[in-house]
Amino acid sequence: MQHQKQALAWLLEQHVKGNGSILADEMGLGKTITTISLIYTLHLTAKRDNKQVGPCLIVCPATVINQWKEELSVWSLPTCYAPNSYTFSNSNEKEKRKIVQKVVREDAILIVSYECLRID
């Protein structure tokens, strides 16, 4: 639990500095919850300050996309789009652009697999 608090503090510090950041460690150490805590904190802060956070992109293994969707819904975060990787990759550019524009317009969260990101 302490390492999750440290990771969240570090992520928030990086955000304030305008730096991109990534968490990478062994499985089972809480990266999903730490990342969701960051997104949740940013949304609470933005709501308090009457600002927008902007869209969020989560890239993960296809096998955990549903876990991400479930965890995000527990935290009552904004709309989450997780198009089926196969369907998304086989969509035409116009359809893909529509999904991305919707995510941007709604300050939503887009979850895609590594493979989907690599292909598209």
Protein backbone atom coordinates (compact mmCIF):
# COMPACT_ATOMS: atom_id res chain seq x y z
CA MET A 1 0.00 0.00 0.00
CA GLN A 2 2.83 2.43 0.79
CA HIS A 3 4.38 1.90 -2.64
CA GLN A 4 1.01 2.74 -4.23
CA LYS A 5 0.88 6.03 -2.31
CA GLN A 6 4.45 6.82 -3.39
CA ALA A 7 3.63 5.95 -6.99
CA LEU A 8 0.53 8.18 -6.94
CA ALA A 9 2.51 11.08 -5.44
CA TRP A 10 5.18 10.62 -8.11
CA LEU A 11 2.59 10.50 -10.91
CA LEU A 12 0.92 13.68 -9.63
CA GLU A 13 4.32 15.38 -9.39
CA GLN A 14 5.09 14.39 -12.98
CA HIS A 15 1.69 15.68 -14.10
CA VAL A 16 2.27 19.06 -12.43
CA LYS A 17 5.66 19.28 -14.18
CA GLY A 18 4.00 18.49 -17.50
CA ASN A 19 5.91 15.24 -17.88
CA GLY A 20 4.51 12.06 -19.32
CA SER A 21 5.03 9.06 -17.09
CA ILE A 22 4.52 5.34 -16.92
CA LEU A 23 4.37 2.72 -14.17
CA ALA A 24 6.10 -0.55 -14.88
CA ASP A 25 6.82 -3.23 -12.31
CA GLU A 26 5.87 -6.78 -11.46
CA MET A 27 2.29 -7.92 -11.81
CA GLY A 28 0.05 -7.61 -8.80
CA LEU A 29 1.59 -4.52 -7.21
CA GLY A 30 -1.37 -2.23 -7.86
CA LYS A 31 -0.58 -0.31 -11.05
CA THR A 32 -4.22 -0.42 -12.16
CA ILE A 33 -5.57 1.06 -8.91
CA THR A 34 -2.71 3.58 -8.68
CA THR A 35 -3.39 4.78 -12.22
CA ILE A 36 -7.13 4.95 -11.62
CA SER A 37 -6.42 6.94 -8.44
CA LEU A 38 -4.44 9.41 -10.54
CA ILE A 39 -7.22 9.78 -13.10
CA TYR A 40 -9.81 10.11 -10.32
CA THR A 41 -7.74 12.76 -8.52
CA LEU A 42 -7.27 14.75 -11.73
CA HIS A 43 -11.00 14.64 -12.45
CA LEU A 44 -11.90 15.75 -8.91
CA THR A 45 -9.41 18.60 -9.08
CA ALA A 46 -10.64 19.68 -12.51
CA LYS A 47 -14.26 19.55 -11.39
CA ARG A 48 -13.42 21.66 -8.32
CA ASP A 49 -11.64 24.23 -10.50
CA ASN A 50 -14.28 24.18 -13.28
CA LYS A 51 -11.75 22.84 -15.77
CA GLN A 52 -11.49 19.85 -18.03
CA VAL A 53 -8.95 17.07 -17.64
CA GLY A 54 -8.93 16.03 -21.27
CA PRO A 55 -9.13 12.58 -22.74
CA CYS A 56 -7.22 9.62 -21.38
CA LEU A 57 -5.68 6.70 -23.26
CA ILE A 58 -5.06 3.41 -21.48
CA VAL A 59 -3.04 0.82 -23.36
CA CYS A 60 -2.95 -2.65 -21.84
CA PRO A 61 -3.03 -6.33 -22.70
CA ALA A 62 -6.32 -7.33 -24.34
CA THR A 63 -6.87 -9.83 -21.55
CA VAL A 64 -7.28 -7.10 -18.91
CA ILE A 65 -9.40 -4.57 -20.83
CA ASN A 66 -12.58 -5.76 -19.08
CA GLN A 67 -10.84 -5.53 -15.70
CA TRP A 68 -9.96 -1.90 -16.46
CA LYS A 69 -13.56 -1.16 -17.48
CA GLU A 70 -14.90 -2.72 -14.29
CA GLU A 71 -12.43 -0.90 -12.03
CA LEU A 72 -13.13 2.44 -13.73
CA SER A 73 -16.88 1.99 -13.24
CA VAL A 74 -16.34 1.32 -9.51
CA TRP A 75 -14.72 4.74 -9.24
CA SER A 76 -17.52 6.43 -11.24
CA LEU A 77 -15.08 7.91 -13.69
CA PRO A 78 -16.14 9.47 -16.98
CA THR A 79 -17.37 7.53 -19.95
CA CYS A 80 -15.07 4.74 -20.94
CA TYR A 81 -14.75 3.38 -24.46
CA ALA A 82 -13.09 0.05 -25.06
CA PRO A 83 -13.77 -0.92 -28.65
CA ASN A 84 -13.20 -4.54 -29.50
CA SER A 85 -9.62 -4.68 -30.77
CA TYR A 86 -10.55 -6.81 -33.77
CA THR A 87 -13.48 -4.60 -34.73
CA PHE A 88 -11.52 -1.40 -34.18
CA SER A 89 -8.53 -2.58 -36.20
CA ASN A 90 -10.81 -3.64 -39.05
CA SER A 91 -12.80 -0.39 -39.04
CA ASN A 92 -12.13 2.18 -41.68
CA GLU A 93 -10.23 5.34 -40.82
CA LYS A 94 -13.42 7.42 -40.68
CA GLU A 95 -14.97 5.12 -38.04
CA LYS A 96 -11.76 5.14 -35.97
CA ARG A 97 -11.59 8.91 -36.18
CA LYS A 98 -15.22 9.15 -34.96
CA ILE A 99 -14.41 7.09 -31.87
CA VAL A 100 -11.31 9.13 -31.07
CA GLN A 101 -13.15 12.44 -31.63
CA LYS A 102 -15.94 11.28 -29.31
CA VAL A 103 -13.40 10.42 -26.61
CA VAL A 104 -11.76 13.85 -26.98
CA ARG A 105 -15.09 15.73 -27.04
CA GLU A 106 -16.36 13.96 -23.89
CA ASP A 107 -13.08 13.99 -21.93
CA ALA A 108 -13.56 10.25 -21.87
CA ILE A 109 -11.25 7.30 -21.44
CA LEU A 110 -10.23 5.10 -24.35
CA ILE A 111 -8.88 1.64 -23.56
CA VAL A 112 -7.08 -0.24 -26.30
CA SER A 113 -4.85 -3.27 -26.42
CA TYR A 114 -1.15 -3.12 -27.23
CA GLU A 115 -1.90 -4.94 -30.47
CA CYS A 116 -4.59 -2.45 -31.45
CA LEU A 117 -2.22 0.44 -30.79
CA ARG A 118 0.54 -1.24 -32.75
CA ILE A 119 -1.73 -1.84 -35.76
CA ASP A 120 -3.53 1.49 -35.69
